[in-house]
């Protein structure tokens, strides 16, 4: 299944971010499948251009005929971010979602462009 997502990260410490995301089924004939995600990201390595993070997510999901059990799950990822401009990053992430009492346990591979919205407030 292909998912489209929108997410925000709010820094709460130099090495921790609060996360909020929403994800929707975009491909694969799964119809109205969606996920709501809340989490915390911990920075393991951080320098001028590269950052390695471990995001932990709590996921609430349902729809599309997918067996998500009770609709609640946990996801852990490994994320590598490359800062290519003052306000933009390329991000590669891989992780595993485990739905509680459900058979849906996908491996996720994620490539994204991340923008720092703080530039809007200057």
N, C-alpha and C. Protein backbone atom coordinates (compact mmCIF):
# COMPACT_ATOMS: atom_id res chain seq x y z
N UNK A 1 0.85 -1.17 0.00
CA UNK A 1 0.00 0.00 0.00
C UNK A 1 0.90 1.23 0.00
N UNK A 2 0.52 2.22 -0.75
CA UNK A 2 1.21 3.50 -0.79
C UNK A 2 0.43 4.49 0.06
N UNK A 3 1.15 5.16 0.97
CA UNK A 3 0.51 6.16 1.83
C UNK A 3 1.03 7.55 1.51
N UNK A 4 0.15 8.52 1.63
CA UNK A 4 0.52 9.92 1.55
C UNK A 4 0.40 10.45 2.98
N UNK A 5 1.30 11.34 3.37
CA UNK A 5 1.19 11.81 4.74
C UNK A 5 1.55 13.29 4.87
N UNK A 6 1.09 13.85 5.97
CA UNK A 6 1.43 15.21 6.38
C UNK A 6 1.81 15.11 7.85
N UNK A 7 2.94 15.70 8.21
CA UNK A 7 3.39 15.61 9.59
C UNK A 7 4.05 16.88 10.06
N UNK A 8 4.04 17.06 11.37
CA UNK A 8 4.70 18.18 12.02
C UNK A 8 5.57 17.65 13.16
N UNK A 9 6.70 18.31 13.36
CA UNK A 9 7.58 18.01 14.49
C UNK A 9 7.80 19.30 15.27
N UNK A 10 7.65 19.22 16.58
CA UNK A 10 7.83 20.38 17.45
C UNK A 10 8.98 20.11 18.41
N UNK A 11 10.08 20.87 18.31
CA UNK A 11 11.22 20.63 19.21
C UNK A 11 10.89 20.98 20.66
N UNK A 12 11.16 20.04 21.56
CA UNK A 12 10.94 20.29 22.99
C UNK A 12 12.26 20.32 23.76
N UNK A 13 13.34 19.93 23.09
CA UNK A 13 14.68 19.90 23.67
C UNK A 13 15.65 19.81 22.49
N UNK A 14 16.92 20.03 22.71
CA UNK A 14 17.87 19.99 21.59
C UNK A 14 17.94 18.61 20.93
N UNK A 15 17.52 17.55 21.63
CA UNK A 15 17.59 16.20 21.06
C UNK A 15 16.23 15.50 20.99
N UNK A 16 15.11 16.20 21.27
CA UNK A 16 13.80 15.55 21.27
C UNK A 16 12.77 16.42 20.55
N UNK A 17 11.90 15.77 19.76
CA UNK A 17 10.79 16.43 19.07
C UNK A 17 9.50 15.70 19.39
N UNK A 18 8.40 16.44 19.57
CA UNK A 18 7.07 15.85 19.58
C UNK A 18 6.61 15.74 18.14
N UNK A 19 5.94 14.63 17.80
CA UNK A 19 5.52 14.38 16.43
C UNK A 19 4.02 14.24 16.34
N UNK A 20 3.47 14.70 15.25
CA UNK A 20 2.07 14.50 14.90
C UNK A 20 1.97 14.30 13.40
N UNK A 21 1.27 13.25 12.97
CA UNK A 21 1.14 12.96 11.54
C UNK A 21 -0.24 12.42 11.25
N UNK A 22 -0.62 12.55 10.01
CA UNK A 22 -1.79 11.86 9.49
C UNK A 22 -1.38 11.21 8.17
N UNK A 23 -1.85 10.00 7.95
CA UNK A 23 -1.49 9.24 6.74
C UNK A 23 -2.77 8.68 6.11
N UNK A 24 -2.79 8.68 4.76
CA UNK A 24 -3.95 8.18 4.03
C UNK A 24 -3.51 7.22 2.95
N UNK A 25 -4.34 6.22 2.67
CA UNK A 25 -4.06 5.30 1.56
C UNK A 25 -4.15 6.06 0.25
N UNK A 26 -3.11 5.95 -0.55
CA UNK A 26 -3.08 6.64 -1.84
C UNK A 26 -3.07 5.64 -2.99
N UNK A 27 -2.64 4.42 -2.75
CA UNK A 27 -2.58 3.42 -3.81
C UNK A 27 -2.78 2.04 -3.24
N UNK A 28 -3.20 1.10 -4.08
CA UNK A 28 -3.36 -0.28 -3.66
C UNK A 28 -4.79 -0.72 -3.42
N UNK A 29 -5.79 0.05 -3.85
CA UNK A 29 -7.20 -0.33 -3.68
C UNK A 29 -7.61 -0.59 -2.23
N UNK A 30 -7.16 0.27 -1.32
CA UNK A 30 -7.54 0.12 0.08
C UNK A 30 -8.55 1.16 0.51
N UNK A 31 -9.04 1.96 -0.38
CA UNK A 31 -10.13 2.87 -0.09
C UNK A 31 -9.85 3.87 1.01
N UNK A 32 -10.64 3.81 2.07
CA UNK A 32 -10.64 4.85 3.09
C UNK A 32 -9.73 4.54 4.28
N UNK A 33 -8.64 3.82 4.07
CA UNK A 33 -7.71 3.53 5.17
C UNK A 33 -6.98 4.81 5.57
N UNK A 34 -6.85 5.05 6.88
CA UNK A 34 -6.14 6.23 7.38
C UNK A 34 -5.49 5.93 8.72
N UNK A 35 -4.45 6.70 9.04
CA UNK A 35 -3.74 6.58 10.32
C UNK A 35 -3.57 7.96 10.93
N UNK A 36 -3.74 8.05 12.24
CA UNK A 36 -3.39 9.22 13.01
C UNK A 36 -2.21 8.84 13.88
N UNK A 37 -1.19 9.67 13.94
CA UNK A 37 0.07 9.29 14.58
C UNK A 37 0.53 10.38 15.54
N UNK A 38 0.92 9.96 16.75
CA UNK A 38 1.55 10.85 17.74
C UNK A 38 2.82 10.18 18.22
N UNK A 39 3.85 10.97 18.50
CA UNK A 39 5.08 10.32 18.94
C UNK A 39 6.13 11.26 19.45
N UNK A 40 7.31 10.67 19.66
CA UNK A 40 8.48 11.36 20.16
C UNK A 40 9.68 10.89 19.36
N UNK A 41 10.51 11.82 18.95
CA UNK A 41 11.70 11.49 18.19
C UNK A 41 12.94 11.88 19.00
N UNK A 42 13.88 10.94 19.10
CA UNK A 42 15.13 11.19 19.83
C UNK A 42 16.28 11.25 18.84
N UNK A 43 17.09 12.28 18.96
CA UNK A 43 18.25 12.46 18.09
C UNK A 43 19.44 11.72 18.68
N UNK A 44 20.03 10.81 17.87
CA UNK A 44 21.19 10.04 18.32
C UNK A 44 22.50 10.70 17.92
N UNK A 45 22.55 11.18 16.68
CA UNK A 45 23.75 11.84 16.14
C UNK A 45 23.28 13.10 15.45
N UNK A 46 23.98 14.20 15.71
CA UNK A 46 23.58 15.46 15.10
C UNK A 46 24.82 16.30 14.84
N UNK A 47 25.03 16.69 13.57
CA UNK A 47 26.09 17.63 13.25
C UNK A 47 25.54 18.66 12.28
N UNK A 48 26.38 19.39 11.58
CA UNK A 48 25.91 20.48 10.72
C UNK A 48 25.02 20.01 9.57
N UNK A 49 25.28 18.84 9.00
CA UNK A 49 24.55 18.38 7.81
C UNK A 49 23.75 17.09 8.01
N UNK A 50 24.15 16.23 8.94
CA UNK A 50 23.55 14.90 9.11
C UNK A 50 22.95 14.78 10.50
N UNK A 51 21.77 14.15 10.55
CA UNK A 51 21.14 13.84 11.83
C UNK A 51 20.54 12.44 11.75
N UNK A 52 20.80 11.64 12.78
CA UNK A 52 20.23 10.30 12.90
C UNK A 52 19.26 10.32 14.07
N UNK A 53 18.02 9.88 13.80
CA UNK A 53 16.97 9.92 14.82
C UNK A 53 16.29 8.56 14.95
N UNK A 54 15.71 8.33 16.12
CA UNK A 54 14.86 7.17 16.36
C UNK A 54 13.49 7.71 16.78
N UNK A 55 12.53 7.74 15.84
CA UNK A 55 11.17 8.16 16.20
C UNK A 55 10.32 6.98 16.71
N UNK A 56 9.59 7.21 17.79
CA UNK A 56 8.64 6.25 18.34
C UNK A 56 7.24 6.83 18.11
N UNK A 57 6.34 6.03 17.55
CA UNK A 57 4.99 6.51 17.24
C UNK A 57 3.92 5.64 17.89
N UNK A 58 2.84 6.26 18.33
CA UNK A 58 1.61 5.57 18.66
C UNK A 58 0.67 5.84 17.50
N UNK A 59 0.10 4.78 16.94
CA UNK A 59 -0.70 4.88 15.73
C UNK A 59 -2.13 4.45 16.01
N UNK A 60 -3.09 5.24 15.56
CA UNK A 60 -4.50 4.88 15.58
C UNK A 60 -4.93 4.78 14.12
N UNK A 61 -5.47 3.61 13.72
CA UNK A 61 -5.73 3.36 12.31
C UNK A 61 -7.04 2.62 12.10
N UNK A 62 -7.54 2.71 10.86
CA UNK A 62 -8.73 1.95 10.52
C UNK A 62 -9.19 2.22 9.11
N UNK A 63 -10.13 1.38 8.65
CA UNK A 63 -10.72 1.52 7.34
C UNK A 63 -10.06 0.67 6.28
N UNK A 64 -10.63 0.68 5.10
CA UNK A 64 -10.06 0.00 3.95
C UNK A 64 -10.07 -1.51 4.04
N UNK A 65 -10.78 -2.09 5.00
CA UNK A 65 -10.83 -3.54 5.14
C UNK A 65 -9.54 -4.17 5.64
N UNK A 66 -8.66 -3.38 6.23
CA UNK A 66 -7.38 -3.88 6.73
C UNK A 66 -7.53 -4.31 8.19
N UNK A 67 -6.98 -5.49 8.54
CA UNK A 67 -7.10 -6.03 9.89
C UNK A 67 -6.12 -5.32 10.82
N UNK A 68 -6.61 -4.25 11.45
CA UNK A 68 -5.80 -3.49 12.40
C UNK A 68 -6.18 -3.83 13.84
N UNK A 69 -6.91 -4.90 14.06
CA UNK A 69 -7.28 -5.33 15.41
C UNK A 69 -8.08 -4.26 16.12
N UNK A 70 -7.58 -3.83 17.27
CA UNK A 70 -8.25 -2.79 18.06
C UNK A 70 -8.06 -1.39 17.49
N UNK A 71 -7.26 -1.26 16.42
CA UNK A 71 -7.04 0.04 15.79
C UNK A 71 -5.92 0.85 16.40
N UNK A 72 -5.15 0.24 17.32
CA UNK A 72 -4.05 0.94 17.98
C UNK A 72 -2.77 0.14 17.76
N UNK A 73 -1.68 0.85 17.49
CA UNK A 73 -0.41 0.17 17.29
C UNK A 73 0.76 1.06 17.66
N UNK A 74 1.96 0.47 17.59
CA UNK A 74 3.20 1.17 17.88
C UNK A 74 4.13 1.01 16.68
N UNK A 75 4.88 2.06 16.39
CA UNK A 75 5.84 2.02 15.29
C UNK A 75 7.15 2.62 15.77
N UNK A 76 8.25 1.98 15.41
CA UNK A 76 9.58 2.52 15.67
C UNK A 76 10.32 2.58 14.34
N UNK A 77 11.02 3.67 14.14
CA UNK A 77 11.75 3.90 12.88
C UNK A 77 13.20 4.23 13.15
N UNK A 78 13.99 4.14 12.12
CA UNK A 78 15.36 4.64 12.08
C UNK A 78 15.36 5.69 10.98
N UNK A 79 15.76 6.91 11.29
CA UNK A 79 15.66 8.00 10.33
C UNK A 79 17.02 8.67 10.14
N UNK A 80 17.36 8.92 8.89
CA UNK A 80 18.59 9.63 8.52
C UNK A 80 18.18 10.89 7.77
N UNK A 81 18.57 12.05 8.28
CA UNK A 81 18.21 13.33 7.68
C UNK A 81 19.46 14.06 7.20
N UNK A 82 19.37 14.63 6.01
CA UNK A 82 20.47 15.40 5.43
C UNK A 82 20.00 16.83 5.20
N UNK A 83 20.64 17.79 5.85
CA UNK A 83 20.30 19.21 5.71
C UNK A 83 20.97 19.74 4.45
N UNK A 84 20.16 20.07 3.43
CA UNK A 84 20.76 20.57 2.19
C UNK A 84 20.57 22.07 1.99
N UNK A 85 19.80 22.72 2.83
CA UNK A 85 19.72 24.18 2.86
C UNK A 85 19.32 24.58 4.28
N UNK A 86 19.29 25.87 4.53
CA UNK A 86 19.00 26.35 5.88
C UNK A 86 17.64 25.87 6.40
N UNK A 87 16.67 25.69 5.51
CA UNK A 87 15.31 25.35 5.93
C UNK A 87 14.79 24.03 5.35
N UNK A 88 15.65 23.23 4.70
CA UNK A 88 15.18 22.01 4.03
C UNK A 88 16.08 20.82 4.33
N UNK A 89 15.44 19.66 4.48
CA UNK A 89 16.14 18.40 4.71
C UNK A 89 15.59 17.33 3.79
N UNK A 90 16.46 16.41 3.39
CA UNK A 90 16.04 15.16 2.78
C UNK A 90 16.03 14.13 3.90
N UNK A 91 15.00 13.32 3.97
CA UNK A 91 14.87 12.36 5.06
C UNK A 91 14.62 10.97 4.48
N UNK A 92 15.35 9.99 4.99
CA UNK A 92 15.12 8.58 4.66
C UNK A 92 14.84 7.87 5.97
N UNK A 93 13.78 7.07 5.99
CA UNK A 93 13.39 6.39 7.21
C UNK A 93 12.92 4.97 6.89
N UNK A 94 13.21 4.06 7.78
CA UNK A 94 12.71 2.69 7.67
C UNK A 94 12.20 2.29 9.05
N UNK A 95 11.08 1.57 9.08
CA UNK A 95 10.51 1.21 10.37
C UNK A 95 9.51 0.08 10.26
N UNK A 96 9.00 -0.34 11.41
CA UNK A 96 8.05 -1.44 11.50
C UNK A 96 6.87 -1.01 12.35
N UNK A 97 5.66 -1.19 11.81
CA UNK A 97 4.42 -0.90 12.52
C UNK A 97 3.83 -2.22 13.02
N UNK A 98 3.46 -2.27 14.28
CA UNK A 98 2.81 -3.44 14.86
C UNK A 98 1.47 -3.02 15.44
N UNK A 99 0.38 -3.49 14.83
CA UNK A 99 -0.95 -3.18 15.32
C UNK A 99 -1.33 -4.20 16.40
N UNK A 100 -1.85 -3.71 17.52
CA UNK A 100 -2.24 -4.57 18.64
C UNK A 100 -3.44 -5.42 18.23
N UNK A 101 -3.33 -6.73 18.36
CA UNK A 101 -4.37 -7.71 18.02
C UNK A 101 -4.80 -7.64 16.56
N UNK A 102 -3.92 -7.21 15.69
CA UNK A 102 -4.24 -7.15 14.27
C UNK A 102 -3.15 -7.83 13.46
N UNK A 103 -3.47 -8.18 12.24
CA UNK A 103 -2.51 -8.84 11.36
C UNK A 103 -1.72 -7.86 10.52
N UNK A 104 -2.04 -6.59 10.55
CA UNK A 104 -1.37 -5.58 9.74
C UNK A 104 -0.08 -5.18 10.44
N UNK A 105 1.07 -5.61 9.91
CA UNK A 105 2.38 -5.34 10.50
C UNK A 105 3.37 -5.00 9.39
N UNK A 106 3.17 -3.87 8.70
CA UNK A 106 3.99 -3.56 7.54
C UNK A 106 5.38 -3.00 7.91
N UNK A 107 6.30 -3.24 7.02
CA UNK A 107 7.60 -2.58 7.04
C UNK A 107 7.43 -1.31 6.23
N UNK A 108 7.84 -0.18 6.77
CA UNK A 108 7.68 1.08 6.03
C UNK A 108 9.05 1.60 5.59
N UNK A 109 9.09 2.07 4.37
CA UNK A 109 10.26 2.74 3.81
C UNK A 109 9.78 4.09 3.34
N UNK A 110 10.49 5.11 3.75
CA UNK A 110 9.95 6.46 3.64
C UNK A 110 11.03 7.41 3.14
N UNK A 111 10.77 8.13 2.09
CA UNK A 111 11.66 9.17 1.57
C UNK A 111 10.87 10.46 1.51
N UNK A 112 11.40 11.52 2.11
CA UNK A 112 10.61 12.75 2.14
C UNK A 112 11.49 13.99 2.09
N UNK A 113 10.84 15.09 1.78
CA UNK A 113 11.42 16.42 1.84
C UNK A 113 10.81 17.09 3.06
N UNK A 114 11.64 17.58 3.95
CA UNK A 114 11.17 18.23 5.17
C UNK A 114 11.52 19.71 5.12
N UNK A 115 10.58 20.54 5.50
CA UNK A 115 10.78 22.00 5.51
C UNK A 115 10.65 22.50 6.93
N UNK A 116 11.51 23.44 7.31
CA UNK A 116 11.45 24.07 8.61
C UNK A 116 10.52 25.28 8.51
N UNK A 117 9.39 25.23 9.19
CA UNK A 117 8.40 26.29 9.11
C UNK A 117 8.77 27.53 9.92
N UNK A 118 9.85 27.47 10.70
CA UNK A 118 10.25 28.65 11.47
C UNK A 118 10.61 29.82 10.55
N UNK A 119 10.93 29.52 9.28
CA UNK A 119 11.26 30.61 8.33
C UNK A 119 10.04 31.52 8.10
N UNK A 120 8.84 31.05 8.38
CA UNK A 120 7.62 31.85 8.20
C UNK A 120 7.48 32.92 9.28
N UNK A 121 8.19 32.77 10.39
CA UNK A 121 8.03 33.68 11.51
C UNK A 121 9.14 34.71 11.63
N UNK A 122 10.01 34.80 10.65
CA UNK A 122 11.14 35.76 10.71
C UNK A 122 10.77 37.08 10.10
